[in-house]
N, C-alpha and C. Protein backbone atom coordinates (compact mmCIF):
# COMPACT_ATOMS: atom_id res chain seq x y z
N MET A 1 -107.67 51.30 181.35
CA MET A 1 -106.37 50.32 180.79
C MET A 1 -106.35 48.97 181.30
N ARG A 2 -105.99 47.94 180.14
CA ARG A 2 -105.24 47.04 180.36
C ARG A 2 -103.86 46.44 179.86
N ILE A 3 -103.64 44.86 180.01
CA ILE A 3 -102.74 44.68 181.20
C ILE A 3 -102.74 43.33 179.92
N ALA A 4 -100.97 43.38 179.05
CA ALA A 4 -101.02 42.38 177.90
C ALA A 4 -99.72 41.98 178.28
N PRO A 5 -100.28 40.64 178.97
CA PRO A 5 -98.40 40.08 180.22
C PRO A 5 -97.85 39.18 177.96
N SER A 6 -96.66 39.97 177.56
CA SER A 6 -95.84 38.85 176.61
C SER A 6 -95.35 38.03 176.78
N ILE A 7 -96.09 36.27 176.66
CA ILE A 7 -95.43 35.17 176.97
C ILE A 7 -93.60 35.08 176.09
N LEU A 8 -93.34 36.36 174.97
CA LEU A 8 -92.13 36.09 174.86
C LEU A 8 -91.09 35.87 176.27
N SER A 9 -91.49 35.61 177.55
CA SER A 9 -90.74 36.29 178.40
C SER A 9 -91.11 35.05 179.76
N ALA A 10 -91.96 33.80 178.89
CA ALA A 10 -92.93 33.35 180.20
C ALA A 10 -91.83 31.81 179.70
N ASP A 11 -91.76 31.18 181.02
CA ASP A 11 -90.85 29.62 180.87
C ASP A 11 -91.76 28.20 180.45
N PHE A 12 -91.43 28.51 179.00
CA PHE A 12 -91.66 27.69 177.81
C PHE A 12 -92.12 26.14 178.04
N THR A 13 -91.51 25.88 179.37
CA THR A 13 -92.03 23.82 179.83
C THR A 13 -92.90 23.87 180.51
N LYS A 14 -93.91 25.66 181.05
CA LYS A 14 -95.24 24.81 181.50
C LYS A 14 -95.10 26.75 180.87
N LEU A 15 -95.80 26.90 179.93
CA LEU A 15 -97.20 28.27 179.48
C LEU A 15 -97.96 27.88 179.75
N ALA A 16 -98.55 26.89 179.35
CA ALA A 16 -100.20 26.88 179.56
C ALA A 16 -100.51 26.92 181.36
N SER A 17 -99.59 26.98 182.47
CA SER A 17 -100.06 27.30 184.17
C SER A 17 -99.29 28.68 183.74
N GLU A 18 -98.28 29.61 183.48
CA GLU A 18 -97.59 30.21 183.26
C GLU A 18 -98.60 31.32 182.53
N ILE A 19 -99.86 30.77 181.64
CA ILE A 19 -100.40 31.23 181.32
C ILE A 19 -101.62 31.61 182.02
N ALA A 20 -102.13 30.31 182.75
CA ALA A 20 -102.83 30.19 183.14
C ALA A 20 -103.51 31.27 185.02
N ARG A 21 -102.10 31.75 185.26
CA ARG A 21 -101.69 32.63 186.79
C ARG A 21 -101.62 33.91 186.57
N VAL A 22 -100.82 34.37 184.95
CA VAL A 22 -101.64 35.67 184.70
C VAL A 22 -103.61 35.94 184.41
N ASP A 23 -103.77 34.83 183.59
CA ASP A 23 -105.08 35.10 183.14
C ASP A 23 -106.31 35.77 184.27
N GLU A 24 -105.82 34.19 185.62
CA GLU A 24 -105.97 34.90 186.59
C GLU A 24 -105.66 36.67 188.50
N ALA A 25 -105.11 36.63 187.15
CA ALA A 25 -104.95 37.63 187.63
C ALA A 25 -105.33 38.65 187.76
N GLY A 26 -105.84 38.29 186.55
CA GLY A 26 -106.27 39.70 185.44
C GLY A 26 -106.48 40.49 184.27
N ALA A 27 -105.19 39.80 183.82
CA ALA A 27 -104.73 40.08 182.38
C ALA A 27 -105.76 39.66 181.14
N GLY A 28 -105.60 41.38 181.03
CA GLY A 28 -106.73 41.92 179.50
C GLY A 28 -106.89 41.19 178.51
N GLN A 29 -105.32 41.00 178.25
CA GLN A 29 -105.43 39.84 177.16
C GLN A 29 -103.66 39.35 176.28
N LEU A 30 -103.71 38.63 175.83
CA LEU A 30 -102.23 37.80 175.97
C LEU A 30 -100.72 38.55 174.30
N HIS A 31 -100.32 38.94 174.52
CA HIS A 31 -99.12 39.25 173.31
C HIS A 31 -98.53 38.45 173.53
N LEU A 32 -97.87 38.38 172.37
CA LEU A 32 -97.66 36.95 171.41
C LEU A 32 -96.73 37.44 170.47
N ASP A 33 -95.01 37.41 170.62
CA ASP A 33 -93.99 38.09 169.57
C ASP A 33 -93.70 37.07 168.13
N VAL A 34 -93.58 37.25 167.16
CA VAL A 34 -93.29 36.71 166.22
C VAL A 34 -92.69 36.90 165.75
N MET A 35 -91.05 35.96 165.66
CA MET A 35 -90.00 37.36 164.97
C MET A 35 -89.20 35.71 163.97
N ASP A 36 -88.60 36.52 162.80
CA ASP A 36 -88.15 35.38 162.04
C ASP A 36 -86.60 35.87 161.85
N GLY A 37 -85.89 36.17 162.42
CA GLY A 37 -84.35 36.01 162.31
C GLY A 37 -84.42 36.77 161.29
N HIS A 38 -85.19 37.57 160.96
CA HIS A 38 -84.78 38.36 159.10
C HIS A 38 -85.09 40.25 159.52
N TYR A 39 -86.26 39.68 159.71
CA TYR A 39 -86.27 41.35 159.91
C TYR A 39 -86.31 42.38 161.41
N VAL A 40 -85.97 41.09 162.21
CA VAL A 40 -84.91 40.75 163.22
C VAL A 40 -84.19 40.22 163.49
N PRO A 41 -83.49 40.29 164.46
CA PRO A 41 -82.61 39.57 165.05
C PRO A 41 -82.79 37.70 165.93
N ASN A 42 -83.90 37.91 166.15
CA ASN A 42 -84.30 36.68 166.76
C ASN A 42 -85.09 35.91 166.39
N LEU A 43 -85.27 35.18 166.88
CA LEU A 43 -86.45 33.99 165.90
C LEU A 43 -87.11 32.95 167.66
N THR A 44 -88.45 33.39 167.15
CA THR A 44 -89.66 33.12 168.48
C THR A 44 -90.37 31.65 168.06
N PHE A 45 -91.38 32.33 167.58
CA PHE A 45 -92.48 31.17 167.01
C PHE A 45 -93.49 31.57 166.24
N GLY A 46 -93.58 30.01 165.72
CA GLY A 46 -94.53 29.72 164.87
C GLY A 46 -96.28 30.11 164.62
N PRO A 47 -97.55 29.60 163.58
CA PRO A 47 -98.91 29.79 164.46
C PRO A 47 -98.96 27.84 165.01
N MET A 48 -98.31 27.31 165.37
CA MET A 48 -98.50 26.29 165.94
C MET A 48 -98.48 26.87 167.55
N VAL A 49 -97.75 27.64 167.46
CA VAL A 49 -97.42 28.11 169.44
C VAL A 49 -98.63 28.80 169.63
N VAL A 50 -98.99 29.09 168.60
CA VAL A 50 -99.90 30.31 168.86
C VAL A 50 -101.85 29.81 169.06
N SER A 51 -101.48 28.52 168.18
CA SER A 51 -103.44 27.26 168.03
C SER A 51 -102.93 26.92 169.95
N ALA A 52 -101.86 26.54 170.16
CA ALA A 52 -101.62 25.84 171.21
C ALA A 52 -101.83 26.39 172.74
N VAL A 53 -101.24 28.33 172.79
CA VAL A 53 -102.03 29.09 173.01
C VAL A 53 -103.40 28.66 173.67
N ARG A 54 -103.89 28.73 171.81
CA ARG A 54 -105.07 29.39 171.79
C ARG A 54 -106.27 27.98 172.45
N GLU A 55 -105.80 26.96 172.58
CA GLU A 55 -106.51 25.49 172.82
C GLU A 55 -106.51 25.44 174.92
N CYS A 56 -105.30 26.78 175.50
CA CYS A 56 -105.35 27.18 177.13
C CYS A 56 -105.89 28.20 177.42
N THR A 57 -106.30 28.99 176.93
CA THR A 57 -107.07 30.29 177.67
C THR A 57 -108.20 31.06 176.76
N SER A 58 -108.68 31.28 176.94
CA SER A 58 -109.78 32.52 176.39
C SER A 58 -109.27 34.18 176.27
N LEU A 59 -108.42 34.06 176.84
CA LEU A 59 -107.88 35.48 176.84
C LEU A 59 -108.32 35.82 175.20
N PRO A 60 -108.01 37.18 174.30
CA PRO A 60 -108.11 38.13 172.98
C PRO A 60 -106.78 37.61 173.02
N LEU A 61 -106.00 36.87 171.64
CA LEU A 61 -104.58 37.16 171.57
C LEU A 61 -104.21 38.26 170.42
N ASP A 62 -102.67 38.93 171.48
CA ASP A 62 -102.97 39.47 169.85
C ASP A 62 -101.33 39.05 169.69
N VAL A 63 -101.35 38.99 168.26
CA VAL A 63 -100.11 38.32 167.96
C VAL A 63 -99.22 40.20 166.97
N HIS A 64 -98.22 39.44 167.74
CA HIS A 64 -97.73 41.09 166.68
C HIS A 64 -96.30 39.68 166.01
N LEU A 65 -96.35 40.17 164.63
CA LEU A 65 -95.89 39.91 163.71
C LEU A 65 -94.54 40.65 163.22
N MET A 66 -93.19 40.77 164.05
CA MET A 66 -91.92 40.96 163.04
C MET A 66 -91.77 40.29 162.43
N ILE A 67 -92.11 40.25 161.45
CA ILE A 67 -91.63 38.99 160.18
C ILE A 67 -91.36 40.32 159.09
N GLU A 68 -90.61 39.88 157.66
CA GLU A 68 -91.00 39.58 156.62
C GLU A 68 -91.72 39.54 155.87
N HIS A 69 -92.84 39.95 155.04
CA HIS A 69 -93.31 39.80 154.93
C HIS A 69 -94.59 39.09 154.66
N ALA A 70 -94.76 40.02 156.29
CA ALA A 70 -96.32 39.30 156.04
C ALA A 70 -97.10 39.02 155.87
N ASP A 71 -97.61 40.10 154.68
CA ASP A 71 -98.40 40.11 154.34
C ASP A 71 -98.73 38.18 154.34
N ARG A 72 -98.01 37.80 153.99
CA ARG A 72 -97.45 35.92 153.89
C ARG A 72 -98.76 35.05 154.77
N TRP A 73 -97.62 35.97 156.05
CA TRP A 73 -98.38 34.38 157.11
C TRP A 73 -99.48 34.79 157.80
N VAL A 74 -100.24 36.13 157.51
CA VAL A 74 -101.70 35.97 158.60
C VAL A 74 -102.45 35.79 158.45
N GLU A 75 -103.37 34.96 157.30
CA GLU A 75 -104.07 34.88 157.48
C GLU A 75 -103.74 32.81 158.16
N ALA A 76 -102.39 32.02 158.12
CA ALA A 76 -101.98 31.58 159.01
C ALA A 76 -101.97 31.56 160.18
N PHE A 77 -101.46 32.74 160.70
CA PHE A 77 -101.59 33.10 162.32
C PHE A 77 -103.71 33.19 162.86
N MET A 78 -104.03 33.42 161.63
CA MET A 78 -105.69 33.86 162.25
C MET A 78 -106.61 33.09 162.19
N ASP A 79 -105.77 31.29 161.01
CA ASP A 79 -106.44 30.36 161.31
C ASP A 79 -106.29 29.31 162.63
N ALA A 80 -104.87 30.01 162.97
CA ALA A 80 -104.29 29.50 164.11
C ALA A 80 -104.95 29.84 166.39
N GLY A 81 -105.70 31.27 165.88
CA GLY A 81 -106.15 31.29 165.99
C GLY A 81 -105.95 32.99 167.19
N ALA A 82 -105.57 33.96 166.31
CA ALA A 82 -105.46 34.99 167.04
C ALA A 82 -106.56 35.79 167.20
N ASP A 83 -107.03 36.79 167.55
CA ASP A 83 -107.75 38.22 167.69
C ASP A 83 -107.36 39.10 167.07
N MET A 84 -106.08 39.16 167.08
CA MET A 84 -105.64 40.27 166.47
C MET A 84 -104.31 40.43 165.89
N ILE A 85 -103.86 41.32 164.85
CA ILE A 85 -102.85 40.26 164.48
C ILE A 85 -101.98 42.52 164.55
N ALA A 86 -100.89 42.61 164.27
CA ALA A 86 -99.85 43.52 164.41
C ALA A 86 -99.03 43.99 163.45
N VAL A 87 -98.79 44.38 162.02
CA VAL A 87 -98.34 44.12 161.61
C VAL A 87 -96.99 45.95 161.36
N HIS A 88 -95.83 45.57 161.04
CA HIS A 88 -95.05 46.35 160.94
C HIS A 88 -95.48 46.45 159.50
N PRO A 89 -96.11 47.77 159.01
CA PRO A 89 -96.07 48.07 157.56
C PRO A 89 -95.03 48.56 156.21
N GLU A 90 -94.23 48.91 157.03
CA GLU A 90 -92.65 48.76 155.77
C GLU A 90 -92.32 47.49 155.37
N THR A 91 -93.19 46.72 156.37
CA THR A 91 -92.74 44.63 155.95
C THR A 91 -93.68 44.74 154.78
N LEU A 92 -94.57 45.34 154.27
CA LEU A 92 -95.79 45.53 153.32
C LEU A 92 -95.69 46.36 151.86
N TYR A 93 -95.75 44.71 150.84
CA TYR A 93 -95.64 45.74 149.85
C TYR A 93 -97.18 46.81 149.53
N HIS A 94 -98.56 46.00 150.56
CA HIS A 94 -99.64 46.58 149.80
C HIS A 94 -100.41 46.23 150.98
N PRO A 95 -99.97 47.91 152.21
CA PRO A 95 -100.44 47.77 153.87
C PRO A 95 -102.03 47.61 153.29
N HIS A 96 -102.56 48.43 152.71
CA HIS A 96 -103.99 48.86 153.17
C HIS A 96 -104.71 46.99 152.15
N LEU A 97 -104.53 46.28 151.31
CA LEU A 97 -104.88 44.86 151.62
C LEU A 97 -105.03 44.21 152.46
N VAL A 98 -103.38 43.91 153.30
CA VAL A 98 -103.49 43.45 154.22
C VAL A 98 -104.33 43.44 155.65
N LEU A 99 -104.50 44.77 156.09
CA LEU A 99 -104.64 45.87 156.64
C LEU A 99 -106.76 44.79 157.02
N SER A 100 -107.18 45.56 155.83
CA SER A 100 -108.69 45.02 155.31
C SER A 100 -108.81 43.83 154.74
N SER A 101 -107.50 42.99 154.94
CA SER A 101 -107.68 41.38 155.14
C SER A 101 -108.38 40.64 156.72
N ILE A 102 -107.21 41.96 157.22
CA ILE A 102 -107.23 40.47 158.76
C ILE A 102 -109.15 41.52 159.18
N ARG A 103 -109.16 42.60 159.26
CA ARG A 103 -110.80 42.48 159.47
C ARG A 103 -111.75 42.26 158.55
N LYS A 104 -111.46 41.80 157.42
CA LYS A 104 -112.47 41.00 157.02
C LYS A 104 -112.86 39.61 156.60
N ARG A 105 -111.67 38.90 158.23
CA ARG A 105 -111.28 37.73 159.04
C ARG A 105 -112.65 38.30 160.48
N GLY A 106 -112.94 39.54 160.76
CA GLY A 106 -113.56 39.67 161.86
C GLY A 106 -112.73 39.97 162.40
N LYS A 107 -110.95 40.10 162.66
CA LYS A 107 -110.00 40.32 163.71
C LYS A 107 -109.49 41.55 163.48
N LYS A 108 -109.28 41.82 164.84
CA LYS A 108 -108.60 43.33 164.67
C LYS A 108 -107.59 43.33 164.35
N ALA A 109 -107.42 44.76 163.11
CA ALA A 109 -105.80 44.66 162.73
C ALA A 109 -105.22 46.11 163.84
N GLY A 110 -103.74 45.23 163.37
CA GLY A 110 -102.78 46.92 163.82
C GLY A 110 -101.71 46.84 163.52
N LEU A 111 -101.22 47.76 163.87
CA LEU A 111 -100.11 49.41 162.73
C LEU A 111 -98.90 48.94 164.11
N ALA A 112 -97.63 48.32 163.92
CA ALA A 112 -96.95 48.15 165.17
C ALA A 112 -95.34 49.23 164.83
N LEU A 113 -95.51 50.22 165.41
CA LEU A 113 -94.34 51.28 165.16
C LEU A 113 -93.36 51.87 166.05
N ASN A 114 -91.85 51.55 165.19
CA ASN A 114 -90.80 51.65 165.93
C ASN A 114 -90.21 52.82 166.52
N PRO A 115 -89.75 53.18 166.98
CA PRO A 115 -88.84 53.79 167.46
C PRO A 115 -88.65 55.20 166.27
N GLY A 116 -89.36 56.03 166.32
CA GLY A 116 -88.28 56.67 165.70
C GLY A 116 -89.31 56.92 163.67
N PHE A 117 -89.96 56.06 164.13
CA PHE A 117 -90.74 55.82 163.13
C PHE A 117 -91.77 56.97 162.58
N SER A 118 -92.02 57.51 161.70
CA SER A 118 -92.76 59.00 161.34
C SER A 118 -94.36 58.50 160.31
N PHE A 119 -94.92 59.65 162.02
CA PHE A 119 -96.89 58.94 162.04
C PHE A 119 -97.00 59.46 160.50
N SER A 120 -96.11 60.28 160.58
CA SER A 120 -97.24 61.48 158.96
C SER A 120 -97.26 60.41 157.28
N THR A 121 -96.10 58.90 158.03
CA THR A 121 -96.80 57.56 156.71
C THR A 121 -97.95 56.80 157.00
N ILE A 122 -98.70 56.64 157.67
CA ILE A 122 -99.72 56.04 158.37
C ILE A 122 -100.64 56.40 158.15
N GLU A 123 -101.02 57.86 157.73
CA GLU A 123 -101.88 59.04 158.12
C GLU A 123 -102.74 57.72 156.76
N ALA A 124 -102.80 57.56 156.46
CA ALA A 124 -104.10 57.16 155.21
C ALA A 124 -103.70 55.75 155.48
N LEU A 125 -103.15 55.45 156.72
CA LEU A 125 -103.94 54.29 156.90
C LEU A 125 -104.23 53.23 158.02
N LEU A 126 -104.69 55.05 158.69
CA LEU A 126 -105.29 54.85 160.11
C LEU A 126 -106.61 54.36 159.81
N PRO A 127 -107.00 54.67 159.18
CA PRO A 127 -108.85 54.47 158.94
C PRO A 127 -109.06 52.77 158.89
N LEU A 128 -108.12 51.89 158.23
CA LEU A 128 -107.63 50.99 158.32
C LEU A 128 -107.51 49.74 159.85
N ALA A 129 -106.72 50.50 160.54
CA ALA A 129 -106.62 49.91 161.60
C ALA A 129 -107.75 50.35 163.33
N ASP A 130 -107.19 49.18 163.45
CA ASP A 130 -108.28 48.71 165.21
C ASP A 130 -107.57 49.38 166.47
N TYR A 131 -105.55 49.26 165.96
CA TYR A 131 -105.67 49.46 167.15
C TYR A 131 -103.72 49.84 166.47
N ALA A 132 -102.52 50.17 167.46
CA ALA A 132 -101.20 50.91 166.81
C ALA A 132 -100.38 50.63 168.26
N ILE A 133 -99.36 49.75 167.95
CA ILE A 133 -98.64 49.40 168.83
C ILE A 133 -97.35 50.55 168.69
N ILE A 134 -97.17 51.61 170.11
CA ILE A 134 -95.65 52.25 170.42
C ILE A 134 -94.97 51.61 170.30
N MET A 135 -93.55 51.02 169.64
CA MET A 135 -92.52 50.18 170.31
C MET A 135 -92.09 51.29 171.39
N SER A 136 -91.99 51.30 172.68
CA SER A 136 -90.78 52.12 174.04
C SER A 136 -89.53 51.72 174.10
N VAL A 137 -89.08 50.30 172.64
CA VAL A 137 -87.86 49.24 172.83
C VAL A 137 -87.78 49.20 171.31
N ASN A 138 -86.00 49.05 171.20
CA ASN A 138 -86.40 48.54 169.79
C ASN A 138 -86.59 46.97 169.33
N PRO A 139 -87.28 46.50 168.19
CA PRO A 139 -88.03 45.08 168.31
C PRO A 139 -87.16 44.13 168.23
N GLY A 140 -87.32 43.39 168.57
CA GLY A 140 -86.57 42.31 168.28
C GLY A 140 -86.36 41.49 169.44
N TRP A 141 -86.06 41.65 170.29
CA TRP A 141 -85.63 40.88 172.15
C TRP A 141 -86.69 41.73 172.96
N GLY A 142 -86.98 40.82 174.45
CA GLY A 142 -87.58 40.82 175.55
C GLY A 142 -86.14 41.50 176.88
N GLY A 143 -86.52 42.29 177.56
CA GLY A 143 -85.89 42.97 178.43
C GLY A 143 -85.04 43.70 178.06
N GLN A 144 -85.20 45.12 177.41
CA GLN A 144 -85.23 46.27 176.51
C GLN A 144 -85.20 47.54 177.65
N LYS A 145 -84.30 48.44 178.02
CA LYS A 145 -84.40 49.69 178.46
C LYS A 145 -85.47 50.07 178.08
N PHE A 146 -86.21 50.70 178.45
CA PHE A 146 -87.46 51.51 177.72
C PHE A 146 -87.20 53.08 177.75
N ILE A 147 -87.37 53.46 176.12
CA ILE A 147 -86.65 54.51 175.32
C ILE A 147 -87.09 55.89 176.05
N GLU A 148 -86.96 56.84 176.79
CA GLU A 148 -87.46 57.77 176.85
C GLU A 148 -87.51 59.01 176.19
N GLY A 149 -89.52 58.87 176.17
CA GLY A 149 -90.02 60.19 175.27
C GLY A 149 -90.71 59.35 173.62
N SER A 150 -90.73 58.20 174.34
CA SER A 150 -92.57 56.98 173.91
C SER A 150 -93.21 57.51 174.63
N PHE A 151 -93.55 58.03 175.36
CA PHE A 151 -95.52 58.62 176.18
C PHE A 151 -95.65 59.48 175.30
N GLU A 152 -94.54 60.80 174.67
CA GLU A 152 -94.72 61.71 173.52
C GLU A 152 -94.70 61.16 172.52
N ARG A 153 -94.82 59.90 172.28
CA ARG A 153 -94.70 59.68 171.33
C ARG A 153 -96.48 58.92 171.37
N VAL A 154 -96.81 58.75 171.93
CA VAL A 154 -98.20 58.50 171.93
C VAL A 154 -99.31 59.52 171.97
N ARG A 155 -98.47 60.53 172.51
CA ARG A 155 -99.75 61.59 171.96
C ARG A 155 -99.26 62.33 171.14
N GLU A 156 -98.49 61.87 169.74
CA GLU A 156 -98.56 62.42 168.93
C GLU A 156 -99.51 61.83 167.77
N LEU A 157 -99.31 59.94 168.20
CA LEU A 157 -100.17 59.26 167.45
C LEU A 157 -101.06 59.91 167.43
N ARG A 158 -101.32 59.34 169.25
CA ARG A 158 -103.43 60.71 169.43
C ARG A 158 -103.47 61.29 168.90
N ARG A 159 -102.49 62.83 168.94
CA ARG A 159 -103.10 63.61 168.03
C ARG A 159 -103.35 63.83 166.21
N VAL A 160 -102.63 62.42 166.38
CA VAL A 160 -102.42 62.03 164.80
C VAL A 160 -103.73 61.94 163.93
N ALA A 161 -104.18 60.68 165.12
CA ALA A 161 -105.37 59.92 164.71
C ALA A 161 -106.58 60.82 165.12
N ASP A 162 -106.52 61.47 166.35
CA ASP A 162 -107.90 62.26 166.16
C ASP A 162 -107.89 62.98 165.09
N ALA A 163 -106.82 63.55 164.53
CA ALA A 163 -107.28 64.49 162.85
C ALA A 163 -107.37 63.67 161.75
N ALA A 164 -106.99 62.41 162.37
CA ALA A 164 -107.52 61.48 161.36
C ALA A 164 -109.47 60.77 161.60
N GLY A 165 -110.10 61.64 162.79
CA GLY A 165 -111.03 61.23 163.29
C GLY A 165 -111.16 59.38 163.16
N THR A 166 -110.57 58.91 162.98
CA THR A 166 -110.44 57.64 163.58
C THR A 166 -110.06 57.21 164.73
N GLU A 167 -110.81 56.59 165.69
CA GLU A 167 -110.90 55.90 167.28
C GLU A 167 -109.73 54.10 167.10
N LEU A 168 -108.42 55.56 167.36
CA LEU A 168 -107.85 54.13 167.47
C LEU A 168 -107.13 53.48 168.82
N SER A 169 -106.87 52.58 169.58
CA SER A 169 -106.50 51.58 170.12
C SER A 169 -105.27 51.60 170.61
N ILE A 170 -104.18 52.44 171.92
CA ILE A 170 -102.73 52.69 171.75
C ILE A 170 -102.08 52.35 172.35
N GLU A 171 -101.82 50.65 172.12
CA GLU A 171 -100.09 49.69 173.08
C GLU A 171 -99.46 50.56 172.95
N ILE A 172 -98.54 49.90 174.00
CA ILE A 172 -97.41 50.12 174.53
C ILE A 172 -96.12 49.45 175.11
N ASP A 173 -94.93 49.45 173.62
CA ASP A 173 -94.80 47.86 174.54
C ASP A 173 -93.11 47.98 174.00
N GLY A 174 -92.89 47.42 175.66
CA GLY A 174 -91.09 47.47 176.46
C GLY A 174 -90.67 48.59 177.29
N GLY A 175 -90.15 47.48 178.28
CA GLY A 175 -89.50 48.45 179.17
C GLY A 175 -90.40 48.69 180.15
N MET A 176 -92.00 48.09 180.03
CA MET A 176 -93.07 48.68 181.31
C MET A 176 -93.11 47.93 182.57
N SER A 177 -93.46 48.84 183.14
CA SER A 177 -93.02 48.67 184.95
C SER A 177 -94.51 49.42 185.06
N ALA A 178 -94.50 48.95 187.28
CA ALA A 178 -95.57 49.32 187.55
C ALA A 178 -95.54 51.22 187.85
N GLU A 179 -94.21 51.38 187.79
CA GLU A 179 -93.69 52.79 188.05
C GLU A 179 -94.45 53.09 187.24
N ARG A 180 -94.53 52.72 185.61
CA ARG A 180 -94.51 53.40 185.08
C ARG A 180 -96.38 54.00 184.06
N ILE A 181 -96.62 53.07 184.86
CA ILE A 181 -98.57 53.46 184.37
C ILE A 181 -98.54 54.21 185.10
N PRO A 182 -98.84 55.37 185.71
CA PRO A 182 -99.77 56.99 185.96
C PRO A 182 -98.81 57.17 184.09
N MET A 183 -97.81 57.14 184.55
CA MET A 183 -96.86 57.75 183.54
C MET A 183 -98.52 57.67 181.70
N ALA A 184 -97.58 56.27 182.17
CA ALA A 184 -98.84 55.66 180.21
C ALA A 184 -100.43 55.82 180.05
N ALA A 185 -100.58 55.83 181.23
CA ALA A 185 -102.34 56.32 181.85
C ALA A 185 -102.33 57.66 181.30
N GLU A 186 -101.22 59.18 181.54
CA GLU A 186 -101.82 60.24 181.22
C GLU A 186 -101.28 60.20 179.83
N ALA A 187 -100.91 59.48 179.50
CA ALA A 187 -100.31 59.98 177.53
C ALA A 187 -101.28 59.15 177.08
N GLY A 188 -102.54 58.33 177.12
CA GLY A 188 -103.35 57.86 176.83
C GLY A 188 -103.08 56.63 176.72
N VAL A 189 -102.58 55.91 177.36
CA VAL A 189 -102.39 54.86 176.79
C VAL A 189 -103.34 53.56 177.08
N ASP A 190 -103.70 53.07 176.10
CA ASP A 190 -105.08 51.94 176.65
C ASP A 190 -104.01 50.45 177.09
N VAL A 191 -103.62 49.56 176.36
CA VAL A 191 -102.93 48.74 176.82
C VAL A 191 -101.89 48.71 176.93
N VAL A 192 -100.95 48.32 177.37
CA VAL A 192 -99.58 47.82 177.80
C VAL A 192 -99.35 46.82 178.07
N ILE A 193 -98.27 45.86 177.42
CA ILE A 193 -97.82 45.02 177.02
C ILE A 193 -96.08 44.97 177.39
N ALA A 194 -96.26 43.57 178.57
CA ALA A 194 -95.27 43.87 179.48
C ALA A 194 -94.97 42.39 179.21
N GLY A 195 -93.77 41.67 179.45
CA GLY A 195 -92.88 40.83 179.40
C GLY A 195 -91.68 40.57 180.25
N SER A 196 -91.35 40.80 180.24
CA SER A 196 -89.78 40.48 181.81
C SER A 196 -90.42 40.97 182.75
N ALA A 197 -91.34 42.05 183.23
CA ALA A 197 -91.52 42.21 184.34
C ALA A 197 -92.68 41.98 184.92
N VAL A 198 -93.57 40.82 184.47
CA VAL A 198 -93.90 40.09 184.47
C VAL A 198 -93.73 38.87 184.72
N PHE A 199 -93.54 37.72 183.98
CA PHE A 199 -92.53 36.80 183.89
C PHE A 199 -91.25 36.33 184.03
N LYS A 200 -90.42 36.88 184.66
CA LYS A 200 -89.02 36.99 185.24
C LYS A 200 -89.28 37.62 186.11
N ALA A 201 -90.57 37.84 187.32
CA ALA A 201 -90.29 38.22 188.74
C ALA A 201 -90.58 36.98 188.83
N GLU A 202 -90.40 36.67 190.54
CA GLU A 202 -90.65 35.10 191.13
C GLU A 202 -91.67 35.30 191.27
N ASP A 203 -92.72 36.20 191.34
CA ASP A 203 -94.24 36.11 191.96
C ASP A 203 -95.15 37.04 190.36
N PRO A 204 -95.11 36.26 189.49
CA PRO A 204 -95.73 36.68 188.44
C PRO A 204 -96.87 37.43 188.27
N ALA A 205 -98.32 36.66 188.92
CA ALA A 205 -99.39 37.16 189.21
C ALA A 205 -99.41 39.09 190.15
N SER A 206 -98.27 38.79 191.30
CA SER A 206 -98.40 39.84 192.25
C SER A 206 -98.21 41.08 191.85
N VAL A 207 -97.65 40.90 190.54
CA VAL A 207 -96.49 42.62 189.38
C VAL A 207 -97.59 42.44 188.96
N LEU A 208 -98.34 41.84 188.42
CA LEU A 208 -99.44 42.06 187.21
C LEU A 208 -100.69 42.50 188.27
N ARG A 209 -101.43 41.91 189.39
CA ARG A 209 -102.30 42.71 189.68
C ARG A 209 -101.42 44.06 190.61
N ASP A 210 -100.36 44.38 191.30
CA ASP A 210 -99.98 45.99 190.84
C ASP A 210 -99.47 46.72 189.41
N MET A 211 -99.80 46.18 188.38
CA MET A 211 -98.98 47.05 187.53
C MET A 211 -101.85 47.41 187.39
N LEU A 212 -101.65 46.85 187.59
CA LEU A 212 -103.56 46.91 187.85
C LEU A 212 -104.03 47.94 188.51
N LEU A 213 -103.47 47.68 189.62
CA LEU A 213 -103.98 48.77 190.91
C LEU A 213 -103.53 50.01 190.34
N ALA A 214 -101.95 50.27 190.10
CA ALA A 214 -101.26 51.42 189.28
C ALA A 214 -102.23 51.67 188.32
N ALA A 215 -102.64 51.27 187.41
CA ALA A 215 -103.83 51.43 186.70
C ALA A 215 -105.07 52.15 186.80
N THR A 216 -105.47 51.38 188.02
CA THR A 216 -107.42 51.86 187.96
C THR A 216 -106.42 52.86 189.43
N GLU A 217 -106.12 53.21 189.62
CA GLU A 217 -105.53 53.85 190.67
C GLU A 217 -105.03 55.91 189.95
N ALA A 218 -104.30 55.30 188.90
CA ALA A 218 -103.84 56.19 187.46
C ALA A 218 -104.93 56.82 186.59
């Protein structure tokens, strides 16, 4: 299991040092939440920030596009240095084309799935996806309470992916903490995304190490 700190909760006045701290503590990748103020009510950042983050770390960058018409922007974010691009399928007119275009660039293609989203609608897309993000909060802002039942959704998605014959990596995003790591591991989560739990702590590196230890013990 890898831990992916989400920079949405970091202090942007010292972003490079914030990233360095979690990098040194053992982060497996970085999560970058891109929001447009339309698909979700919050507004965050664009390709220029992704490019700046790319300059200060060699960690894989997982860019989560919570935006309308994501197909218009995937190329710009890949050009900016994203290694992974996750899209919400309901925002796309041609999801097959978008996922294929991400893979053609040598990047990993992901599906971001909101609470309550029916997995039956994405079975045909799974062969084109490298990973999926189970949203354990409603998308749009950090620091929300974990939605109970999200680990069962992880298990359900794993069953759907196995039935489709795909080796899908599953991430979980929202309300995660060291205490929930054992349950995530048991459910089959591969990557835990954590924002507020890490960057809002007095010692983000210590929290990250605690999460990694919990993952190892699980």
